[in-house]
mmCIF file of all heavy atoms, coordinates in Angstrom:
data_MODEL
# 
_entry.id   MODEL 
# 
loop_
_atom_site.group_PDB 
_atom_site.id 
_atom_site.type_symbol 
_atom_site.label_atom_id 
_atom_site.label_alt_id 
_atom_site.label_comp_id 
_atom_site.label_asym_id 
_atom_site.label_entity_id 
_atom_site.label_seq_id 
_atom_site.pdbx_PDB_ins_code 
_atom_site.Cartn_x 
_atom_site.Cartn_y 
_atom_site.Cartn_z 
_atom_site.occupancy 
_atom_site.B_iso_or_equiv 
_atom_site.pdbx_formal_charge 
_atom_site.auth_seq_id 
_atom_site.auth_comp_id 
_atom_site.auth_asym_id 
_atom_site.auth_atom_id 
_atom_site.pdbx_PDB_model_num 
ATOM 1   N N   . MET A 1 1  ? 7.696  11.139 -3.133  1.00 0.00 ? 1  MET A N   1 
ATOM 2   C CA  . MET A 1 1  ? 8.590  12.043 -2.343  1.00 0.00 ? 1  MET A CA  1 
ATOM 3   C C   . MET A 1 1  ? 9.693  11.232 -1.722  1.00 0.00 ? 1  MET A C   1 
ATOM 4   O O   . MET A 1 1  ? 10.854 11.565 -1.794  1.00 0.00 ? 1  MET A O   1 
ATOM 5   C CB  . MET A 1 1  ? 7.740  12.749 -1.246  1.00 0.00 ? 1  MET A CB  1 
ATOM 6   C CG  . MET A 1 1  ? 8.595  13.720 -0.391  1.00 0.00 ? 1  MET A CG  1 
ATOM 7   S SD  . MET A 1 1  ? 9.196  15.116 -1.460  1.00 0.00 ? 1  MET A SD  1 
ATOM 8   C CE  . MET A 1 1  ? 10.068 16.051 -0.207  1.00 0.00 ? 1  MET A CE  1 
ATOM 9   N N   . ASN A 1 2  ? 9.345  10.039 -1.131  1.00 0.00 ? 2  ASN A N   1 
ATOM 10  C CA  . ASN A 1 2  ? 10.380 9.185  -0.498  1.00 0.00 ? 2  ASN A CA  1 
ATOM 11  C C   . ASN A 1 2  ? 11.353 8.672  -1.506  1.00 0.00 ? 2  ASN A C   1 
ATOM 12  O O   . ASN A 1 2  ? 12.550 8.524  -1.237  1.00 0.00 ? 2  ASN A O   1 
ATOM 13  C CB  . ASN A 1 2  ? 9.690  7.953  0.164   1.00 0.00 ? 2  ASN A CB  1 
ATOM 14  C CG  . ASN A 1 2  ? 8.941  8.413  1.448   1.00 0.00 ? 2  ASN A CG  1 
ATOM 15  O OD1 . ASN A 1 2  ? 9.226  9.496  2.008   1.00 0.00 ? 2  ASN A OD1 1 
ATOM 16  N ND2 . ASN A 1 2  ? 7.934  7.629  1.851   1.00 0.00 ? 2  ASN A ND2 1 
ATOM 17  N N   . GLN A 1 3  ? 10.882 8.401  -2.757  1.00 0.00 ? 3  GLN A N   1 
ATOM 18  C CA  . GLN A 1 3  ? 11.829 7.901  -3.767  1.00 0.00 ? 3  GLN A CA  1 
ATOM 19  C C   . GLN A 1 3  ? 12.844 8.983  -4.111  1.00 0.00 ? 3  GLN A C   1 
ATOM 20  O O   . GLN A 1 3  ? 14.027 8.711  -4.342  1.00 0.00 ? 3  GLN A O   1 
ATOM 21  C CB  . GLN A 1 3  ? 11.056 7.454  -5.016  1.00 0.00 ? 3  GLN A CB  1 
ATOM 22  C CG  . GLN A 1 3  ? 10.250 6.206  -4.792  1.00 0.00 ? 3  GLN A CG  1 
ATOM 23  C CD  . GLN A 1 3  ? 9.459  5.795  -6.014  1.00 0.00 ? 3  GLN A CD  1 
ATOM 24  O OE1 . GLN A 1 3  ? 9.290  6.617  -6.924  1.00 0.00 ? 3  GLN A OE1 1 
ATOM 25  N NE2 . GLN A 1 3  ? 8.990  4.574  -6.025  1.00 0.00 ? 3  GLN A NE2 1 
ATOM 26  N N   . THR A 1 4  ? 12.399 10.248 -4.180  1.00 0.00 ? 4  THR A N   1 
ATOM 27  C CA  . THR A 1 4  ? 13.325 11.326 -4.512  1.00 0.00 ? 4  THR A CA  1 
ATOM 28  C C   . THR A 1 4  ? 14.387 11.478 -3.403  1.00 0.00 ? 4  THR A C   1 
ATOM 29  O O   . THR A 1 4  ? 15.562 11.628 -3.729  1.00 0.00 ? 4  THR A O   1 
ATOM 30  C CB  . THR A 1 4  ? 12.543 12.686 -4.629  1.00 0.00 ? 4  THR A CB  1 
ATOM 31  O OG1 . THR A 1 4  ? 11.511 12.517 -5.595  1.00 0.00 ? 4  THR A OG1 1 
ATOM 32  C CG2 . THR A 1 4  ? 13.483 13.805 -5.005  1.00 0.00 ? 4  THR A CG2 1 
ATOM 33  N N   . VAL A 1 5  ? 14.000 11.329 -2.199  1.00 0.00 ? 5  VAL A N   1 
ATOM 34  C CA  . VAL A 1 5  ? 14.964 11.426 -1.098  1.00 0.00 ? 5  VAL A CA  1 
ATOM 35  C C   . VAL A 1 5  ? 15.990 10.323 -1.184  1.00 0.00 ? 5  VAL A C   1 
ATOM 36  O O   . VAL A 1 5  ? 17.182 10.480 -0.995  1.00 0.00 ? 5  VAL A O   1 
ATOM 37  C CB  . VAL A 1 5  ? 14.225 11.399 0.265   1.00 0.00 ? 5  VAL A CB  1 
ATOM 38  C CG1 . VAL A 1 5  ? 15.217 11.310 1.426   1.00 0.00 ? 5  VAL A CG1 1 
ATOM 39  C CG2 . VAL A 1 5  ? 13.338 12.622 0.430   1.00 0.00 ? 5  VAL A CG2 1 
ATOM 40  N N   . ALA A 1 6  ? 15.489 9.069  -1.484  1.00 0.00 ? 6  ALA A N   1 
ATOM 41  C CA  . ALA A 1 6  ? 16.383 7.930  -1.615  1.00 0.00 ? 6  ALA A CA  1 
ATOM 42  C C   . ALA A 1 6  ? 17.413 8.115  -2.707  1.00 0.00 ? 6  ALA A C   1 
ATOM 43  O O   . ALA A 1 6  ? 18.561 7.713  -2.534  1.00 0.00 ? 6  ALA A O   1 
ATOM 44  C CB  . ALA A 1 6  ? 15.580 6.651  -1.903  1.00 0.00 ? 6  ALA A CB  1 
ATOM 45  N N   . ILE A 1 7  ? 17.076 8.787  -3.818  1.00 0.00 ? 7  ILE A N   1 
ATOM 46  C CA  . ILE A 1 7  ? 18.015 9.000  -4.866  1.00 0.00 ? 7  ILE A CA  1 
ATOM 47  C C   . ILE A 1 7  ? 19.039 10.035 -4.508  1.00 0.00 ? 7  ILE A C   1 
ATOM 48  O O   . ILE A 1 7  ? 20.251 9.887  -4.735  1.00 0.00 ? 7  ILE A O   1 
ATOM 49  C CB  . ILE A 1 7  ? 17.273 9.487  -6.172  1.00 0.00 ? 7  ILE A CB  1 
ATOM 50  C CG1 . ILE A 1 7  ? 16.407 8.322  -6.664  1.00 0.00 ? 7  ILE A CG1 1 
ATOM 51  C CG2 . ILE A 1 7  ? 18.239 9.959  -7.210  1.00 0.00 ? 7  ILE A CG2 1 
ATOM 52  C CD1 . ILE A 1 7  ? 15.496 8.714  -7.822  1.00 0.00 ? 7  ILE A CD1 1 
ATOM 53  N N   . LYS A 1 8  ? 18.668 11.015 -3.755  1.00 0.00 ? 8  LYS A N   1 
ATOM 54  C CA  . LYS A 1 8  ? 19.586 12.091 -3.387  1.00 0.00 ? 8  LYS A CA  1 
ATOM 55  C C   . LYS A 1 8  ? 20.506 11.730 -2.228  1.00 0.00 ? 8  LYS A C   1 
ATOM 56  O O   . LYS A 1 8  ? 21.621 12.210 -2.116  1.00 0.00 ? 8  LYS A O   1 
ATOM 57  C CB  . LYS A 1 8  ? 18.816 13.335 -3.014  1.00 0.00 ? 8  LYS A CB  1 
ATOM 58  C CG  . LYS A 1 8  ? 18.143 14.038 -4.231  1.00 0.00 ? 8  LYS A CG  1 
ATOM 59  C CD  . LYS A 1 8  ? 17.397 15.287 -3.804  1.00 0.00 ? 8  LYS A CD  1 
ATOM 60  C CE  . LYS A 1 8  ? 16.765 16.000 -4.968  1.00 0.00 ? 8  LYS A CE  1 
ATOM 61  N NZ  . LYS A 1 8  ? 16.052 17.212 -4.583  1.00 0.00 ? 8  LYS A NZ  1 
ATOM 62  N N   . ASP A 1 9  ? 20.019 10.887 -1.375  1.00 0.00 ? 9  ASP A N   1 
ATOM 63  C CA  . ASP A 1 9  ? 20.761 10.540 -0.154  1.00 0.00 ? 9  ASP A CA  1 
ATOM 64  C C   . ASP A 1 9  ? 21.654 9.332  -0.392  1.00 0.00 ? 9  ASP A C   1 
ATOM 65  O O   . ASP A 1 9  ? 21.181 8.221  -0.593  1.00 0.00 ? 9  ASP A O   1 
ATOM 66  C CB  . ASP A 1 9  ? 19.803 10.209 0.990   1.00 0.00 ? 9  ASP A CB  1 
ATOM 67  C CG  . ASP A 1 9  ? 20.511 9.898  2.295   1.00 0.00 ? 9  ASP A CG  1 
ATOM 68  O OD1 . ASP A 1 9  ? 21.785 10.035 2.309   1.00 0.00 ? 9  ASP A OD1 1 
ATOM 69  O OD2 . ASP A 1 9  ? 19.855 9.512  3.257   1.00 0.00 ? 9  ASP A OD2 1 
ATOM 70  N N   . PRO A 1 10 ? 22.991 9.480  -0.453  1.00 0.00 ? 10 PRO A N   1 
ATOM 71  C CA  . PRO A 1 10 ? 23.894 8.383  -0.718  1.00 0.00 ? 10 PRO A CA  1 
ATOM 72  C C   . PRO A 1 10 ? 23.881 7.294  0.350   1.00 0.00 ? 10 PRO A C   1 
ATOM 73  O O   . PRO A 1 10 ? 24.311 6.189  0.162   1.00 0.00 ? 10 PRO A O   1 
ATOM 74  C CB  . PRO A 1 10 ? 25.265 9.051  -0.847  1.00 0.00 ? 10 PRO A CB  1 
ATOM 75  C CG  . PRO A 1 10 ? 25.174 10.251 0.022   1.00 0.00 ? 10 PRO A CG  1 
ATOM 76  C CD  . PRO A 1 10 ? 23.754 10.712 -0.161  1.00 0.00 ? 10 PRO A CD  1 
ATOM 77  N N   . ALA A 1 11 ? 23.336 7.631  1.525   1.00 0.00 ? 11 ALA A N   1 
ATOM 78  C CA  . ALA A 1 11 ? 23.288 6.654  2.614   1.00 0.00 ? 11 ALA A CA  1 
ATOM 79  C C   . ALA A 1 11 ? 21.952 5.975  2.747   1.00 0.00 ? 11 ALA A C   1 
ATOM 80  O O   . ALA A 1 11 ? 21.688 5.223  3.614   1.00 0.00 ? 11 ALA A O   1 
ATOM 81  C CB  . ALA A 1 11 ? 23.627 7.319  3.958   1.00 0.00 ? 11 ALA A CB  1 
ATOM 82  N N   . SER A 1 12 ? 21.027 6.351  1.755   1.00 0.00 ? 12 SER A N   1 
ATOM 83  C CA  . SER A 1 12 ? 19.683 5.753  1.862   1.00 0.00 ? 12 SER A CA  1 
ATOM 84  C C   . SER A 1 12 ? 19.711 4.244  1.669   1.00 0.00 ? 12 SER A C   1 
ATOM 85  O O   . SER A 1 12 ? 20.363 3.741  0.738   1.00 0.00 ? 12 SER A O   1 
ATOM 86  C CB  . SER A 1 12 ? 18.802 6.358  0.803   1.00 0.00 ? 12 SER A CB  1 
ATOM 87  O OG  . SER A 1 12 ? 17.562 5.661  0.739   1.00 0.00 ? 12 SER A OG  1 
ATOM 88  N N   . PRO A 1 13 ? 19.067 3.471  2.528   1.00 0.00 ? 13 PRO A N   1 
ATOM 89  C CA  . PRO A 1 13 ? 19.032 2.063  2.422   1.00 0.00 ? 13 PRO A CA  1 
ATOM 90  C C   . PRO A 1 13 ? 18.291 1.539  1.159   1.00 0.00 ? 13 PRO A C   1 
ATOM 91  O O   . PRO A 1 13 ? 18.371 0.403  0.821   1.00 0.00 ? 13 PRO A O   1 
ATOM 92  C CB  . PRO A 1 13 ? 18.369 1.569  3.700   1.00 0.00 ? 13 PRO A CB  1 
ATOM 93  C CG  . PRO A 1 13 ? 17.531 2.721  4.159   1.00 0.00 ? 13 PRO A CG  1 
ATOM 94  C CD  . PRO A 1 13 ? 18.283 3.940  3.714   1.00 0.00 ? 13 PRO A CD  1 
ATOM 95  N N   . GLU A 1 14 ? 17.489 2.451  0.507   1.00 0.00 ? 14 GLU A N   1 
ATOM 96  C CA  . GLU A 1 14 ? 16.712 2.027  -0.667  1.00 0.00 ? 14 GLU A CA  1 
ATOM 97  C C   . GLU A 1 14 ? 17.547 2.027  -1.961  1.00 0.00 ? 14 GLU A C   1 
ATOM 98  O O   . GLU A 1 14 ? 17.066 1.545  -2.947  1.00 0.00 ? 14 GLU A O   1 
ATOM 99  C CB  . GLU A 1 14 ? 15.508 2.914  -0.862  1.00 0.00 ? 14 GLU A CB  1 
ATOM 100 C CG  . GLU A 1 14 ? 14.357 2.687  0.206   1.00 0.00 ? 14 GLU A CG  1 
ATOM 101 C CD  . GLU A 1 14 ? 14.671 3.394  1.477   1.00 0.00 ? 14 GLU A CD  1 
ATOM 102 O OE1 . GLU A 1 14 ? 15.392 4.367  1.503   1.00 0.00 ? 14 GLU A OE1 1 
ATOM 103 O OE2 . GLU A 1 14 ? 14.138 2.896  2.547   1.00 0.00 ? 14 GLU A OE2 1 
ATOM 104 N N   . ARG A 1 15 ? 18.718 2.579  -1.940  1.00 0.00 ? 15 ARG A N   1 
ATOM 105 C CA  . ARG A 1 15 ? 19.553 2.707  -3.125  1.00 0.00 ? 15 ARG A CA  1 
ATOM 106 C C   . ARG A 1 15 ? 20.629 1.671  -3.184  1.00 0.00 ? 15 ARG A C   1 
ATOM 107 O O   . ARG A 1 15 ? 21.361 1.455  -2.254  1.00 0.00 ? 15 ARG A O   1 
ATOM 108 C CB  . ARG A 1 15 ? 20.141 4.108  -3.215  1.00 0.00 ? 15 ARG A CB  1 
ATOM 109 C CG  . ARG A 1 15 ? 20.905 4.373  -4.500  1.00 0.00 ? 15 ARG A CG  1 
ATOM 110 C CD  . ARG A 1 15 ? 21.618 5.713  -4.413  1.00 0.00 ? 15 ARG A CD  1 
ATOM 111 N NE  . ARG A 1 15 ? 22.339 6.011  -5.625  1.00 0.00 ? 15 ARG A NE  1 
ATOM 112 C CZ  . ARG A 1 15 ? 23.250 6.936  -5.756  1.00 0.00 ? 15 ARG A CZ  1 
ATOM 113 N NH1 . ARG A 1 15 ? 23.556 7.710  -4.699  1.00 0.00 ? 15 ARG A NH1 1 
ATOM 114 N NH2 . ARG A 1 15 ? 23.803 7.176  -6.899  1.00 0.00 ? 15 ARG A NH2 1 
ATOM 115 N N   . THR A 1 16 ? 20.702 0.952  -4.335  1.00 0.00 ? 16 THR A N   1 
ATOM 116 C CA  . THR A 1 16 ? 21.739 -0.040 -4.532  1.00 0.00 ? 16 THR A CA  1 
ATOM 117 C C   . THR A 1 16 ? 23.004 0.640  -5.042  1.00 0.00 ? 16 THR A C   1 
ATOM 118 O O   . THR A 1 16 ? 22.962 1.298  -6.075  1.00 0.00 ? 16 THR A O   1 
ATOM 119 C CB  . THR A 1 16 ? 21.319 -1.150 -5.505  1.00 0.00 ? 16 THR A CB  1 
ATOM 120 O OG1 . THR A 1 16 ? 20.099 -1.724 -5.051  1.00 0.00 ? 16 THR A OG1 1 
ATOM 121 C CG2 . THR A 1 16 ? 22.384 -2.196 -5.654  1.00 0.00 ? 16 THR A CG2 1 
ATOM 122 N N   . THR A 1 17 ? 24.107 0.569  -4.345  1.00 0.00 ? 17 THR A N   1 
ATOM 123 C CA  . THR A 1 17 ? 25.347 1.204  -4.734  1.00 0.00 ? 17 THR A CA  1 
ATOM 124 C C   . THR A 1 17 ? 26.211 0.206  -5.511  1.00 0.00 ? 17 THR A C   1 
ATOM 125 O O   . THR A 1 17 ? 27.005 -0.518 -4.892  1.00 0.00 ? 17 THR A O   1 
ATOM 126 C CB  . THR A 1 17 ? 26.087 1.775  -3.469  1.00 0.00 ? 17 THR A CB  1 
ATOM 127 O OG1 . THR A 1 17 ? 25.201 2.531  -2.683  1.00 0.00 ? 17 THR A OG1 1 
ATOM 128 C CG2 . THR A 1 17 ? 27.274 2.611  -3.923  1.00 0.00 ? 17 THR A CG2 1 
ATOM 129 N N   . PHE A 1 18 ? 26.053 0.195  -6.843  1.00 0.00 ? 18 PHE A N   1 
ATOM 130 C CA  . PHE A 1 18 ? 26.715 -0.811 -7.626  1.00 0.00 ? 18 PHE A CA  1 
ATOM 131 C C   . PHE A 1 18 ? 28.225 -0.635 -7.669  1.00 0.00 ? 18 PHE A C   1 
ATOM 132 O O   . PHE A 1 18 ? 28.949 -1.603 -7.822  1.00 0.00 ? 18 PHE A O   1 
ATOM 133 C CB  . PHE A 1 18 ? 26.129 -0.848 -9.025  1.00 0.00 ? 18 PHE A CB  1 
ATOM 134 C CG  . PHE A 1 18 ? 24.777 -1.550 -9.152  1.00 0.00 ? 18 PHE A CG  1 
ATOM 135 C CD1 . PHE A 1 18 ? 23.622 -0.752 -9.191  1.00 0.00 ? 18 PHE A CD1 1 
ATOM 136 C CD2 . PHE A 1 18 ? 24.705 -2.927 -9.114  1.00 0.00 ? 18 PHE A CD2 1 
ATOM 137 C CE1 . PHE A 1 18 ? 22.385 -1.393 -9.258  1.00 0.00 ? 18 PHE A CE1 1 
ATOM 138 C CE2 . PHE A 1 18 ? 23.443 -3.529 -9.193  1.00 0.00 ? 18 PHE A CE2 1 
ATOM 139 C CZ  . PHE A 1 18 ? 22.305 -2.805 -9.286  1.00 0.00 ? 18 PHE A CZ  1 
ATOM 140 N N   . ALA A 1 19 ? 28.663 0.579  -7.528  1.00 0.00 ? 19 ALA A N   1 
ATOM 141 C CA  . ALA A 1 19 ? 30.141 0.833  -7.528  1.00 0.00 ? 19 ALA A CA  1 
ATOM 142 C C   . ALA A 1 19 ? 30.819 0.074  -6.429  1.00 0.00 ? 19 ALA A C   1 
ATOM 143 O O   . ALA A 1 19 ? 31.889 -0.532 -6.612  1.00 0.00 ? 19 ALA A O   1 
ATOM 144 C CB  . ALA A 1 19 ? 30.425 2.313  -7.426  1.00 0.00 ? 19 ALA A CB  1 
ATOM 145 N N   . ILE A 1 20 ? 30.226 0.083  -5.247  1.00 0.00 ? 20 ILE A N   1 
ATOM 146 C CA  . ILE A 1 20 ? 30.746 -0.623 -4.099  1.00 0.00 ? 20 ILE A CA  1 
ATOM 147 C C   . ILE A 1 20 ? 30.622 -2.166 -4.266  1.00 0.00 ? 20 ILE A C   1 
ATOM 148 O O   . ILE A 1 20 ? 31.534 -2.929 -3.988  1.00 0.00 ? 20 ILE A O   1 
ATOM 149 C CB  . ILE A 1 20 ? 30.072 -0.167 -2.769  1.00 0.00 ? 20 ILE A CB  1 
ATOM 150 C CG1 . ILE A 1 20 ? 30.396 1.300  -2.500  1.00 0.00 ? 20 ILE A CG1 1 
ATOM 151 C CG2 . ILE A 1 20 ? 30.583 -1.031 -1.591  1.00 0.00 ? 20 ILE A CG2 1 
ATOM 152 C CD1 . ILE A 1 20 ? 31.896 1.633  -2.361  1.00 0.00 ? 20 ILE A CD1 1 
ATOM 153 N N   . LEU A 1 21 ? 29.433 -2.584 -4.812  1.00 0.00 ? 21 LEU A N   1 
ATOM 154 C CA  . LEU A 1 21 ? 29.254 -4.003 -5.034  1.00 0.00 ? 21 LEU A CA  1 
ATOM 155 C C   . LEU A 1 21 ? 30.297 -4.530 -6.052  1.00 0.00 ? 21 LEU A C   1 
ATOM 156 O O   . LEU A 1 21 ? 30.882 -5.611 -5.881  1.00 0.00 ? 21 LEU A O   1 
ATOM 157 C CB  . LEU A 1 21 ? 27.849 -4.271 -5.587  1.00 0.00 ? 21 LEU A CB  1 
ATOM 158 C CG  . LEU A 1 21 ? 26.697 -4.089 -4.574  1.00 0.00 ? 21 LEU A CG  1 
ATOM 159 C CD1 . LEU A 1 21 ? 25.386 -4.330 -5.264  1.00 0.00 ? 21 LEU A CD1 1 
ATOM 160 C CD2 . LEU A 1 21 ? 26.831 -4.996 -3.387  1.00 0.00 ? 21 LEU A CD2 1 
ATOM 161 N N   . PHE A 1 22 ? 30.555 -3.785 -7.096  1.00 0.00 ? 22 PHE A N   1 
ATOM 162 C CA  . PHE A 1 22 ? 31.549 -4.192 -8.069  1.00 0.00 ? 22 PHE A CA  1 
ATOM 163 C C   . PHE A 1 22 ? 32.932 -4.138 -7.508  1.00 0.00 ? 22 PHE A C   1 
ATOM 164 O O   . PHE A 1 22 ? 33.807 -4.998 -7.830  1.00 0.00 ? 22 PHE A O   1 
ATOM 165 C CB  . PHE A 1 22 ? 31.433 -3.364 -9.346  1.00 0.00 ? 22 PHE A CB  1 
ATOM 166 C CG  . PHE A 1 22 ? 30.232 -3.645 -10.189 1.00 0.00 ? 22 PHE A CG  1 
ATOM 167 C CD1 . PHE A 1 22 ? 29.454 -2.632 -10.703 1.00 0.00 ? 22 PHE A CD1 1 
ATOM 168 C CD2 . PHE A 1 22 ? 29.850 -4.963 -10.445 1.00 0.00 ? 22 PHE A CD2 1 
ATOM 169 C CE1 . PHE A 1 22 ? 28.335 -2.867 -11.436 1.00 0.00 ? 22 PHE A CE1 1 
ATOM 170 C CE2 . PHE A 1 22 ? 28.733 -5.233 -11.222 1.00 0.00 ? 22 PHE A CE2 1 
ATOM 171 C CZ  . PHE A 1 22 ? 27.951 -4.219 -11.724 1.00 0.00 ? 22 PHE A CZ  1 
ATOM 172 N N   . ALA A 1 23 ? 33.202 -3.206 -6.612  1.00 0.00 ? 23 ALA A N   1 
ATOM 173 C CA  . ALA A 1 23 ? 34.519 -3.147 -6.016  1.00 0.00 ? 23 ALA A CA  1 
ATOM 174 C C   . ALA A 1 23 ? 34.816 -4.333 -5.111  1.00 0.00 ? 23 ALA A C   1 
ATOM 175 O O   . ALA A 1 23 ? 35.883 -4.923 -5.224  1.00 0.00 ? 23 ALA A O   1 
ATOM 176 C CB  . ALA A 1 23 ? 34.649 -1.814 -5.184  1.00 0.00 ? 23 ALA A CB  1 
ATOM 177 N N   . VAL A 1 24 ? 33.881 -4.685 -4.280  1.00 0.00 ? 24 VAL A N   1 
ATOM 178 C CA  . VAL A 1 24 ? 34.090 -5.834 -3.371  1.00 0.00 ? 24 VAL A CA  1 
ATOM 179 C C   . VAL A 1 24 ? 34.071 -7.143 -4.197  1.00 0.00 ? 24 VAL A C   1 
ATOM 180 O O   . VAL A 1 24 ? 34.795 -8.136 -3.850  1.00 0.00 ? 24 VAL A O   1 
ATOM 181 C CB  . VAL A 1 24 ? 33.085 -5.926 -2.242  1.00 0.00 ? 24 VAL A CB  1 
ATOM 182 C CG1 . VAL A 1 24 ? 33.295 -4.752 -1.281  1.00 0.00 ? 24 VAL A CG1 1 
ATOM 183 C CG2 . VAL A 1 24 ? 31.628 -5.983 -2.699  1.00 0.00 ? 24 VAL A CG2 1 
ATOM 184 N N   . SER A 1 25 ? 33.276 -7.175 -5.310  1.00 0.00 ? 25 SER A N   1 
ATOM 185 C CA  . SER A 1 25 ? 33.251 -8.354 -6.128  1.00 0.00 ? 25 SER A CA  1 
ATOM 186 C C   . SER A 1 25 ? 34.612 -8.509 -6.861  1.00 0.00 ? 25 SER A C   1 
ATOM 187 O O   . SER A 1 25 ? 35.158 -9.617 -6.965  1.00 0.00 ? 25 SER A O   1 
ATOM 188 C CB  . SER A 1 25 ? 32.135 -8.255 -7.160  1.00 0.00 ? 25 SER A CB  1 
ATOM 189 O OG  . SER A 1 25 ? 32.119 -9.433 -7.997  1.00 0.00 ? 25 SER A OG  1 
ATOM 190 N N   . PHE A 1 26 ? 35.169 -7.422 -7.338  1.00 0.00 ? 26 PHE A N   1 
ATOM 191 C CA  . PHE A 1 26 ? 36.504 -7.446 -7.950  1.00 0.00 ? 26 PHE A CA  1 
ATOM 192 C C   . PHE A 1 26 ? 37.566 -7.865 -6.962  1.00 0.00 ? 26 PHE A C   1 
ATOM 193 O O   . PHE A 1 26 ? 38.435 -8.696 -7.340  1.00 0.00 ? 26 PHE A O   1 
ATOM 194 C CB  . PHE A 1 26 ? 36.812 -6.032 -8.493  1.00 0.00 ? 26 PHE A CB  1 
ATOM 195 C CG  . PHE A 1 26 ? 38.225 -5.914 -9.052  1.00 0.00 ? 26 PHE A CG  1 
ATOM 196 C CD1 . PHE A 1 26 ? 38.584 -6.583 -10.213 1.00 0.00 ? 26 PHE A CD1 1 
ATOM 197 C CD2 . PHE A 1 26 ? 39.185 -5.103 -8.454  1.00 0.00 ? 26 PHE A CD2 1 
ATOM 198 C CE1 . PHE A 1 26 ? 39.883 -6.488 -10.706 1.00 0.00 ? 26 PHE A CE1 1 
ATOM 199 C CE2 . PHE A 1 26 ? 40.423 -4.961 -8.952  1.00 0.00 ? 26 PHE A CE2 1 
ATOM 200 C CZ  . PHE A 1 26 ? 40.815 -5.685 -10.079 1.00 0.00 ? 26 PHE A CZ  1 
# 
């Protein structure tokens, strides 16, 4: 259940946001 919430919530600390990581890396 917690994993489902993490996937749906863009602010969840459990989800790695690669788009932002690649943006700051670029």
